[in-house]
Structure formats: structure tokens, C-alpha cells
Protein backbone atom coordinates (compact mmCIF):
# COMPACT_ATOMS: atom_id res chain seq x y z
CA MET A 1 -27.66 -29.73 41.33
CA SER A 2 -27.44 -32.21 38.47
CA ASP A 3 -26.51 -35.87 38.99
CA THR A 4 -23.45 -35.22 36.78
CA CYS A 5 -22.20 -32.45 39.07
CA THR A 6 -22.90 -34.53 42.17
CA ALA A 7 -20.86 -37.42 40.77
CA LEU A 8 -18.02 -35.09 39.75
CA TYR A 9 -17.85 -33.46 43.20
CA ASP A 10 -17.82 -36.92 44.81
CA THR A 11 -14.98 -38.04 42.54
CA ILE A 12 -12.89 -34.91 43.16
CA ALA A 13 -13.42 -35.08 46.93
CA ASP A 14 -12.46 -38.75 47.06
CA ALA A 15 -9.29 -38.08 45.04
CA LEU A 16 -8.28 -35.20 47.31
CA VAL A 17 -8.65 -37.41 50.38
CA ASP A 18 -6.87 -40.40 48.82
CA GLN A 19 -3.94 -38.69 47.08
CA GLY A 20 -4.25 -34.92 47.44
CA TYR A 21 -5.00 -34.21 43.79
CA TYR A 22 -7.51 -34.87 41.00
CA TYR A 23 -6.70 -35.06 37.29
CA THR A 24 -8.92 -35.78 34.31
CA ALA A 25 -8.62 -35.27 30.55
CA THR A 26 -12.40 -35.60 30.13
CA ALA A 27 -14.41 -32.53 29.13
CA GLN A 28 -16.19 -30.98 32.09
CA PRO A 29 -20.02 -30.61 31.97
CA GLY A 30 -21.40 -27.08 32.10
CA LEU A 31 -18.22 -25.21 31.23
CA PRO A 32 -18.30 -22.78 28.25
CA THR A 33 -15.00 -24.11 26.95
CA ALA A 34 -15.29 -22.80 23.37
CA ASP A 35 -16.27 -19.33 24.63
CA LEU A 36 -13.31 -19.32 27.02
CA GLN A 37 -10.96 -20.30 24.20
CA GLN A 38 -12.27 -17.44 22.08
CA ARG A 39 -12.06 -15.02 25.00
CA ILE A 40 -8.42 -15.72 25.94
CA GLN A 41 -7.30 -15.51 22.31
CA GLN A 42 -9.16 -12.22 21.95
CA LEU A 43 -7.47 -10.80 25.06
CA ASP A 44 -4.10 -11.97 23.78
CA ALA A 45 -4.68 -10.38 20.34
CA GLU A 46 -5.71 -7.11 22.03
CA ASP A 47 -2.53 -7.16 24.15
CA ALA A 48 -4.73 -7.12 27.25
CA MET A 49 -2.57 -9.58 29.18
CA HIS A 50 0.52 -8.64 31.20
CA ARG A 51 3.68 -10.40 32.28
CA ALA A 52 3.22 -12.60 35.32
CA GLY A 53 5.41 -12.18 38.35
CA ILE A 54 6.31 -14.26 41.39
CA GLY A 55 5.43 -13.56 45.01
CA ARG A 56 2.53 -11.51 46.35
CA ASP A 57 2.02 -7.97 47.60
CA GLN A 58 5.32 -6.38 48.65
CA ASP A 59 7.27 -9.49 47.58
CA HIS A 60 5.94 -9.40 44.00
CA GLN A 61 8.59 -9.24 41.28
CA LEU A 62 9.15 -10.09 37.62
CA ASN A 63 11.71 -12.81 36.95
CA SER A 64 11.98 -14.22 33.43
CA ASN A 65 14.39 -16.90 34.67
CA ILE A 66 11.51 -18.46 36.67
CA ARG A 67 8.38 -17.79 34.61
CA ARG A 68 7.59 -16.25 31.23
CA ASP A 69 3.82 -16.38 30.90
CA LYS A 70 1.32 -13.55 30.51
CA ILE A 71 -1.87 -13.36 32.58
CA ARG A 72 -5.16 -11.54 33.01
CA TRP A 73 -7.52 -12.06 35.96
CA LEU A 74 -11.08 -13.24 35.22
CA ARG A 75 -13.98 -10.86 35.85
CA HIS A 76 -17.74 -11.23 36.19
CA SER A 77 -18.33 -8.50 33.60
CA ASN A 78 -17.74 -10.94 30.72
CA ALA A 79 -20.29 -13.73 30.21
CA ALA A 80 -17.82 -16.54 29.53
CA GLU A 81 -15.60 -15.52 32.46
CA ALA A 82 -18.64 -15.22 34.75
CA ALA A 83 -19.84 -18.69 33.75
CA TYR A 84 -16.44 -20.17 34.62
CA LEU A 85 -16.36 -18.37 37.98
CA ASP A 86 -19.88 -19.59 38.74
CA TRP A 87 -18.89 -23.18 37.86
CA MET A 88 -15.95 -22.98 40.23
CA ASP A 89 -18.19 -21.57 42.95
CA GLY A 90 -20.36 -24.65 42.57
CA LEU A 91 -17.25 -26.80 42.96
CA ARG A 92 -16.30 -24.81 46.06
CA GLU A 93 -19.67 -25.52 47.65
CA GLY A 94 -19.51 -29.17 46.63
CA ILE A 95 -16.09 -29.70 48.18
CA ASN A 96 -17.04 -27.84 51.34
CA ARG A 97 -20.11 -30.05 51.83
CA ARG A 98 -18.00 -33.18 51.49
CA LEU A 99 -14.69 -32.25 53.13
CA PHE A 100 -15.39 -29.24 55.37
CA MET A 101 -12.32 -27.44 54.02
CA GLY A 102 -13.75 -23.99 54.70
CA LEU A 103 -13.12 -22.76 51.15
CA PHE A 104 -14.21 -19.14 51.24
CA ASP A 105 -13.67 -17.68 47.76
CA TYR A 106 -11.93 -18.24 44.45
CA GLU A 107 -9.58 -16.23 42.25
CA CYS A 108 -8.23 -17.18 38.83
CA HIS A 109 -6.48 -15.80 35.77
CA PHE A 110 -6.06 -16.62 32.11
CA ALA A 111 -2.49 -17.62 31.28
CA HIS A 112 -0.79 -17.47 27.89
CA TYR A 113 2.56 -19.17 27.44
CA PRO A 114 4.05 -18.03 24.11
CA VAL A 115 6.57 -20.18 22.29
CA GLY A 116 9.55 -20.84 24.55
CA ALA A 117 7.77 -19.83 27.77
CA PHE A 118 7.96 -21.94 30.94
CA TYR A 119 7.47 -21.83 34.71
CA LYS A 120 10.16 -23.41 36.89
CA GLN A 121 9.28 -25.83 39.70
CA HIS A 122 7.45 -24.09 42.54
CA LEU A 123 4.78 -24.41 45.22
CA ASP A 124 1.60 -22.35 45.05
CA ALA A 125 1.49 -21.98 48.85
CA PHE A 126 3.64 -22.56 51.91
CA LYS A 127 2.17 -24.10 55.05
CA GLY A 128 0.95 -21.44 57.46
CA ARG A 129 1.93 -18.54 55.19
CA THR A 130 -0.98 -18.21 52.76
CA ASN A 131 -4.73 -18.61 52.49
CA ARG A 132 -4.52 -20.39 49.11
CA VAL A 133 -5.30 -24.02 49.84
CA LEU A 134 -6.55 -25.62 46.62
CA THR A 135 -5.20 -25.02 43.10
CA THR A 136 -7.11 -25.56 39.84
CA VAL A 137 -5.80 -25.58 36.28
CA PHE A 138 -8.09 -25.83 33.23
CA TYR A 139 -6.67 -26.10 29.72
CA LEU A 140 -7.84 -24.51 26.46
CA ASN A 141 -5.66 -25.97 23.68
CA ASP A 142 -7.06 -28.15 20.91
CA GLN A 143 -5.12 -31.12 19.53
CA TRP A 144 -2.05 -30.74 21.71
CA GLN A 145 0.76 -33.10 20.72
CA GLN A 146 3.37 -34.67 22.99
CA ASP A 147 6.26 -33.15 21.03
CA GLN A 148 4.90 -29.62 21.50
CA GLY A 149 6.08 -29.44 25.12
CA GLY A 150 4.17 -27.28 27.59
CA GLU A 151 3.33 -30.15 29.94
CA LEU A 152 2.63 -29.49 33.59
CA LEU A 153 4.74 -31.81 35.73
CA LEU A 154 3.29 -32.57 39.17
CA TYR A 155 5.73 -33.87 41.80
CA ASN A 156 5.49 -35.45 45.22
CA ASP A 157 5.86 -33.24 48.29
CA THR A 158 9.67 -33.40 48.25
CA GLY A 159 9.83 -32.57 44.54
CA ASP A 160 11.97 -35.56 43.58
CA ARG A 161 9.37 -37.97 42.15
CA LEU A 162 7.11 -37.27 39.17
CA LEU A 163 3.45 -38.06 39.84
CA GLU A 164 1.72 -36.79 36.70
CA GLN A 165 2.72 -35.40 33.31
CA VAL A 166 -0.29 -33.35 32.18
CA LEU A 167 -0.73 -32.40 28.54
CA PRO A 168 -2.52 -29.02 28.27
CA GLU A 169 -5.30 -30.39 26.06
CA THR A 170 -8.70 -28.66 25.92
CA GLY A 171 -11.00 -29.78 28.75
CA THR A 172 -8.28 -31.21 30.99
CA LEU A 173 -8.77 -30.26 34.64
CA LEU A 174 -6.25 -30.55 37.48
CA VAL A 175 -7.10 -29.84 41.14
CA PHE A 176 -4.52 -30.21 43.93
CA LEU A 177 -3.61 -29.10 47.43
CA SER A 178 -1.64 -25.90 46.98
CA ASP A 179 0.94 -26.42 49.70
CA ARG A 180 1.73 -30.07 49.01
CA PHE A 181 2.71 -30.50 45.36
CA PRO A 182 5.64 -28.77 43.63
CA HIS A 183 4.98 -28.43 39.91
CA GLU A 184 6.40 -26.81 36.79
CA VAL A 185 5.45 -25.97 33.22
CA MET A 186 7.87 -27.22 30.59
CA PRO A 187 8.93 -24.94 27.70
CA THR A 188 6.20 -24.83 25.09
CA GLN A 189 6.62 -25.08 21.32
CA ARG A 190 3.29 -23.41 20.51
CA ASP A 191 0.96 -20.90 22.12
CA ARG A 192 -0.42 -22.46 25.29
CA TYR A 193 -3.60 -21.23 26.98
CA SER A 194 -5.06 -22.10 30.38
CA ILE A 195 -6.90 -20.81 33.44
CA ALA A 196 -5.10 -21.12 36.77
CA GLY A 197 -7.01 -20.52 39.99
CA TRP A 198 -6.99 -20.89 43.76
CA PHE A 199 -9.63 -21.57 46.37
CA ARG A 200 -8.88 -19.64 49.53
CA VAL A 201 -9.85 -19.75 53.20
CA ASN A 202 -10.05 -16.95 55.75
CA ASN A 203 -7.68 -18.80 58.06
CA SER A 204 -5.14 -21.30 56.72
CA LEU A 205 -5.58 -23.42 59.87
CA ASN A 206 -8.96 -24.46 58.47
CA ALA A 207 -7.42 -26.02 55.38
CA GLN A 208 -7.14 -29.56 56.72
CA ILE A 209 -9.24 -32.15 54.93
CA ASP A 210 -11.69 -33.65 57.40
CA PRO A 211 -14.04 -36.01 55.57
CA PRO A 212 -17.27 -37.01 57.36
CA ASN A 213 -17.40 -40.37 59.12
């Protein structure tokens, strides 16, 4: 493991303990960002992405009043996608060594928000009802401007106080506890690309942060 990765894992773990989320607009070492940008735009041009829904399994449904993005799950069969999944697996191991969260695996999808698309305020997980415990969002949009919309707004646990307003600029990474922070994506004025993912545990009771003494 490189010193850069060690320092990054330390920083993310400390932020999760202190405030429950980590946010940086600094490019992340080891990620094939340009290849991922090319890949998601290729998938979009090939119409290989599908409308995203809400809910899981039997509760899954499409609702354009809540979200209007298109998604496609990452796979190991593509080199750029595999490299991203491997990077996140390293992060999983790094967090587990520091916080003993019991993160077991990781799933993620590309997301394309076309002009006008949004995602209303929501939680990624509800306490005791899911095995998703840690959310990640990585952005793939060069030279994003404030007036182009598309920000992710991260709120406190009651959803009535804004904590962060995140521009979806290339290289920006957000990591947060899935069941604690309501968030939303504001309507975008240009095509907006990202990768959203979730670390999961086998048993949601293991999701409590327990840093070493």
C-alpha cells in the first residue's frame, strides 16, 4: 500500500468518526478518471443506460417525480470499470482496518443526469432495514460551473440543515454513512455524469463505527 493511500484512508476514517462524512474536491490517486469519463459517455451514446428507479426488489418502481437519471452498473469485464472497483475494494479494506465496520462488498453504477434531471431528497438506507452502510459518489464532469446546477446537497440527519453543497466537478469524492444523511441532486443544466456506490455488510447490526483505542 502506498503512503498516499495510507494517508487517504486515515483521513477518510477520521472524517467518518468525527462527522459521519468525507468530502474532497481533490483528484484521487490511482483512479482512471479520464478512462471512466470516456466509458460513461460511450455507454450513454450507445443507449446502454436505463432509467433509474426507487426502492429495491419487490418495492422497485419508476417515478419521474422523484428521480430522472439513467444508470448502468459497473462490471469487472471492462478495464476502467474494474480499476474503479479495485480502488474501492482497497478503500473497503482500509476502512475496515481502521474502524472495524465489517464492510463486506461494494456495488456501484454510472449515473447520467440529462438536462433538467434531478433526484429529490432521500436517504440511501434506513436503520435496521438494509445492508448498505456507506455511500460513495465520484464525479466525472470537467469545468462545472455554479450556474449549471446539478449540485448534491447533503443535509443533517433531520433534513432541515444544509451541511455541504457539492459541485459535481471531475475528481470530487463524497463518502458518507448511508442511513444518516438525507441528500438530493438539484436540477442540472448540462449533462451530469457520476458513479454512485455503496459498501455493504452481511448484517446491518455490524455497521456501527468502533474506532480502535
